[in-house]
């Protein structure tokens, strides 16, 4: 992300769950991008299979672009 963010300490005053998602829906909004993460819940004995939402978050467009650039670099390293 931005260079100045490396100087700011990362803290966790309240414990935040670490969530695993099977998929992510991306919804553009005015000046921001909203993400909705879900997990796949299979059919277990009469229940309907589902995609259950486990996380929602949004970020400004500039932060989403930085995240995309960082993610692309990380994924490209694995292909070398």
N, C-alpha and C. Protein backbone atom coordinates (compact mmCIF):
# COMPACT_ATOMS: atom_id res chain seq x y z
N UNK A 1 0.84 -1.17 0.00
CA UNK A 1 0.00 0.00 0.00
C UNK A 1 0.89 1.25 0.00
N UNK A 2 0.37 2.34 0.45
CA UNK A 2 1.13 3.59 0.39
C UNK A 2 2.37 3.50 1.27
N UNK A 3 3.42 4.20 0.86
CA UNK A 3 4.70 4.15 1.56
C UNK A 3 4.59 4.60 3.02
N UNK A 4 3.82 5.66 3.29
CA UNK A 4 3.73 6.19 4.65
C UNK A 4 3.03 5.22 5.59
N UNK A 5 2.25 4.29 5.06
CA UNK A 5 1.53 3.34 5.91
C UNK A 5 2.48 2.36 6.59
N UNK A 6 3.66 2.15 6.02
CA UNK A 6 4.64 1.25 6.63
C UNK A 6 5.16 1.81 7.95
N UNK A 7 5.07 3.12 8.16
CA UNK A 7 5.59 3.75 9.36
C UNK A 7 4.56 3.75 10.50
N UNK A 8 3.31 3.59 10.16
CA UNK A 8 2.24 3.62 11.16
C UNK A 8 2.09 2.21 11.74
N UNK A 9 2.11 2.06 13.08
CA UNK A 9 2.00 0.72 13.65
C UNK A 9 0.63 0.11 13.39
N UNK A 10 0.61 -1.19 13.17
CA UNK A 10 -0.61 -1.94 12.98
C UNK A 10 -1.03 -2.49 14.34
N UNK A 11 -2.21 -2.10 14.82
CA UNK A 11 -2.67 -2.53 16.14
C UNK A 11 -3.99 -3.27 16.03
N UNK A 12 -4.34 -4.01 17.07
CA UNK A 12 -5.60 -4.75 17.12
C UNK A 12 -6.17 -4.63 18.53
N UNK A 13 -6.79 -3.48 18.85
CA UNK A 13 -7.32 -3.30 20.21
C UNK A 13 -8.43 -4.29 20.55
N UNK A 14 -9.19 -4.70 19.55
CA UNK A 14 -10.18 -5.77 19.73
C UNK A 14 -9.82 -6.88 18.76
N UNK A 15 -9.94 -8.12 19.20
CA UNK A 15 -9.58 -9.25 18.34
C UNK A 15 -10.56 -9.32 17.18
N UNK A 16 -10.00 -9.38 15.96
CA UNK A 16 -10.78 -9.48 14.74
C UNK A 16 -10.60 -10.89 14.19
N UNK A 17 -11.71 -11.55 13.88
CA UNK A 17 -11.63 -12.91 13.35
C UNK A 17 -10.92 -12.93 12.01
N UNK A 18 -10.16 -13.98 11.79
CA UNK A 18 -9.52 -14.21 10.50
C UNK A 18 -10.47 -15.11 9.71
N UNK A 19 -11.05 -14.59 8.65
CA UNK A 19 -12.07 -15.31 7.91
C UNK A 19 -11.51 -15.89 6.62
N UNK A 20 -12.00 -17.06 6.27
CA UNK A 20 -11.69 -17.69 4.99
C UNK A 20 -12.92 -17.54 4.11
N UNK A 21 -12.73 -17.16 2.87
CA UNK A 21 -13.84 -17.04 1.93
C UNK A 21 -13.57 -17.90 0.70
N UNK A 22 -14.63 -18.46 0.14
CA UNK A 22 -14.54 -19.20 -1.12
C UNK A 22 -14.71 -18.29 -2.33
N UNK A 23 -15.34 -17.15 -2.11
CA UNK A 23 -15.59 -16.23 -3.22
C UNK A 23 -15.82 -14.83 -2.72
N UNK A 24 -15.78 -13.91 -3.67
CA UNK A 24 -15.89 -12.50 -3.34
C UNK A 24 -16.68 -11.81 -4.43
N UNK A 25 -17.74 -11.12 -4.05
CA UNK A 25 -18.48 -10.29 -4.99
C UNK A 25 -17.95 -8.87 -4.86
N UNK A 26 -17.80 -8.20 -5.99
CA UNK A 26 -17.27 -6.84 -5.99
C UNK A 26 -18.33 -5.92 -6.56
N UNK A 27 -18.67 -4.89 -5.80
CA UNK A 27 -19.73 -3.97 -6.19
C UNK A 27 -19.18 -2.55 -6.21
N UNK A 28 -19.06 -1.94 -7.40
CA UNK A 28 -18.60 -0.55 -7.45
C UNK A 28 -19.67 0.39 -6.93
N UNK A 29 -19.25 1.39 -6.19
CA UNK A 29 -20.14 2.44 -5.71
C UNK A 29 -19.48 3.77 -6.02
N UNK A 30 -20.14 4.83 -5.72
CA UNK A 30 -19.63 6.16 -6.01
C UNK A 30 -18.38 6.44 -5.19
N UNK A 31 -17.21 6.35 -5.82
CA UNK A 31 -15.95 6.66 -5.14
C UNK A 31 -15.41 5.56 -4.27
N UNK A 32 -16.04 4.38 -4.28
CA UNK A 32 -15.59 3.27 -3.43
C UNK A 32 -15.89 1.94 -4.11
N UNK A 33 -15.31 0.90 -3.57
CA UNK A 33 -15.58 -0.48 -4.00
C UNK A 33 -16.02 -1.24 -2.76
N UNK A 34 -17.14 -1.95 -2.88
CA UNK A 34 -17.65 -2.76 -1.77
C UNK A 34 -17.38 -4.23 -2.10
N UNK A 35 -16.89 -4.97 -1.09
CA UNK A 35 -16.59 -6.39 -1.23
C UNK A 35 -17.52 -7.18 -0.31
N UNK A 36 -18.05 -8.28 -0.82
CA UNK A 36 -18.88 -9.18 -0.03
C UNK A 36 -18.26 -10.57 -0.17
N UNK A 37 -17.71 -11.09 0.93
CA UNK A 37 -17.07 -12.40 0.93
C UNK A 37 -18.02 -13.47 1.42
N UNK A 38 -17.96 -14.65 0.78
CA UNK A 38 -18.85 -15.73 1.15
C UNK A 38 -18.12 -17.06 1.21
N UNK A 39 -18.71 -18.00 1.93
CA UNK A 39 -18.23 -19.38 1.97
C UNK A 39 -19.33 -20.28 1.41
N UNK A 40 -18.90 -21.35 0.80
CA UNK A 40 -19.84 -22.32 0.25
C UNK A 40 -20.26 -23.28 1.35
N UNK A 41 -21.56 -23.43 1.54
CA UNK A 41 -22.12 -24.38 2.51
C UNK A 41 -22.84 -25.46 1.71
N UNK A 42 -22.30 -26.68 1.68
CA UNK A 42 -22.90 -27.75 0.86
C UNK A 42 -24.23 -28.24 1.45
N UNK A 43 -24.95 -28.99 0.65
CA UNK A 43 -26.19 -29.63 1.07
C UNK A 43 -25.85 -30.72 2.08
N UNK A 44 -26.36 -30.58 3.30
CA UNK A 44 -26.11 -31.57 4.35
C UNK A 44 -27.44 -32.14 4.83
N UNK A 45 -27.85 -33.25 4.28
CA UNK A 45 -29.04 -33.93 4.76
C UNK A 45 -30.31 -33.11 4.72
N UNK A 46 -30.73 -32.69 3.56
CA UNK A 46 -31.99 -31.98 3.43
C UNK A 46 -31.89 -30.47 3.44
N UNK A 47 -30.74 -29.93 3.79
CA UNK A 47 -30.57 -28.48 3.76
C UNK A 47 -30.21 -28.04 2.34
N UNK A 48 -30.53 -26.83 2.02
CA UNK A 48 -30.19 -26.27 0.71
C UNK A 48 -28.75 -25.80 0.73
N UNK A 49 -28.01 -26.09 -0.36
CA UNK A 49 -26.66 -25.54 -0.43
C UNK A 49 -26.74 -24.03 -0.55
N UNK A 50 -25.74 -23.36 -0.01
CA UNK A 50 -25.77 -21.90 0.08
C UNK A 50 -24.38 -21.32 -0.12
N UNK A 51 -24.39 -20.04 -0.44
CA UNK A 51 -23.19 -19.22 -0.33
C UNK A 51 -23.49 -18.26 0.81
N UNK A 52 -22.87 -18.46 1.97
CA UNK A 52 -23.15 -17.67 3.16
C UNK A 52 -22.18 -16.50 3.27
N UNK A 53 -22.72 -15.30 3.40
CA UNK A 53 -21.89 -14.11 3.56
C UNK A 53 -21.23 -14.15 4.93
N UNK A 54 -19.90 -13.98 4.94
CA UNK A 54 -19.16 -13.97 6.20
C UNK A 54 -18.44 -12.65 6.45
N UNK A 55 -18.33 -11.81 5.41
CA UNK A 55 -17.64 -10.53 5.59
C UNK A 55 -18.12 -9.53 4.53
N UNK A 56 -18.21 -8.29 4.94
CA UNK A 56 -18.48 -7.17 4.04
C UNK A 56 -17.49 -6.06 4.40
N UNK A 57 -16.91 -5.45 3.38
CA UNK A 57 -16.08 -4.28 3.64
C UNK A 57 -16.02 -3.43 2.38
N UNK A 58 -15.69 -2.17 2.56
CA UNK A 58 -15.59 -1.24 1.44
C UNK A 58 -14.30 -0.45 1.59
N UNK A 59 -13.81 0.05 0.47
CA UNK A 59 -12.61 0.89 0.50
C UNK A 59 -12.68 1.90 -0.63
N UNK A 60 -11.98 3.03 -0.45
CA UNK A 60 -11.96 4.04 -1.52
C UNK A 60 -11.25 3.47 -2.76
N UNK A 61 -11.58 4.03 -3.91
CA UNK A 61 -11.02 3.53 -5.18
C UNK A 61 -9.50 3.49 -5.18
N UNK A 62 -8.84 4.52 -4.63
CA UNK A 62 -7.37 4.54 -4.65
C UNK A 62 -6.79 3.38 -3.84
N UNK A 63 -7.41 3.04 -2.73
CA UNK A 63 -6.93 1.93 -1.91
C UNK A 63 -7.19 0.60 -2.62
N UNK A 64 -8.31 0.48 -3.33
CA UNK A 64 -8.61 -0.74 -4.09
C UNK A 64 -7.59 -0.93 -5.21
N UNK A 65 -7.21 0.17 -5.86
CA UNK A 65 -6.18 0.07 -6.92
C UNK A 65 -4.84 -0.38 -6.35
N UNK A 66 -4.47 0.16 -5.19
CA UNK A 66 -3.22 -0.25 -4.54
C UNK A 66 -3.28 -1.72 -4.16
N UNK A 67 -4.43 -2.16 -3.63
CA UNK A 67 -4.58 -3.56 -3.26
C UNK A 67 -4.45 -4.45 -4.50
N UNK A 68 -5.07 -4.06 -5.60
CA UNK A 68 -4.99 -4.82 -6.84
C UNK A 68 -3.54 -4.93 -7.32
N UNK A 69 -2.81 -3.81 -7.31
CA UNK A 69 -1.40 -3.83 -7.73
C UNK A 69 -0.57 -4.76 -6.84
N UNK A 70 -0.77 -4.68 -5.54
CA UNK A 70 -0.05 -5.55 -4.60
C UNK A 70 -0.40 -7.01 -4.83
N UNK A 71 -1.67 -7.31 -5.00
CA UNK A 71 -2.12 -8.68 -5.23
C UNK A 71 -1.54 -9.23 -6.53
N UNK A 72 -1.55 -8.42 -7.57
CA UNK A 72 -0.99 -8.85 -8.86
C UNK A 72 0.49 -9.20 -8.72
N UNK A 73 1.25 -8.37 -8.00
CA UNK A 73 2.67 -8.63 -7.80
C UNK A 73 2.89 -9.93 -7.02
N UNK A 74 2.11 -10.14 -5.97
CA UNK A 74 2.25 -11.35 -5.16
C UNK A 74 1.91 -12.59 -5.99
N UNK A 75 0.84 -12.53 -6.76
CA UNK A 75 0.44 -13.68 -7.57
C UNK A 75 1.44 -13.95 -8.69
N UNK A 76 2.02 -12.92 -9.27
CA UNK A 76 3.01 -13.11 -10.34
C UNK A 76 4.29 -13.74 -9.80
N UNK A 77 4.65 -13.50 -8.55
CA UNK A 77 5.84 -14.12 -7.97
C UNK A 77 5.70 -15.64 -7.93
N UNK A 78 4.50 -16.13 -7.70
CA UNK A 78 4.26 -17.57 -7.64
C UNK A 78 4.35 -18.25 -8.99
N UNK A 79 4.32 -17.49 -10.09
CA UNK A 79 4.36 -18.07 -11.43
C UNK A 79 5.76 -18.11 -12.02
N UNK A 80 6.75 -17.65 -11.28
CA UNK A 80 8.13 -17.60 -11.81
C UNK A 80 8.79 -18.94 -11.70
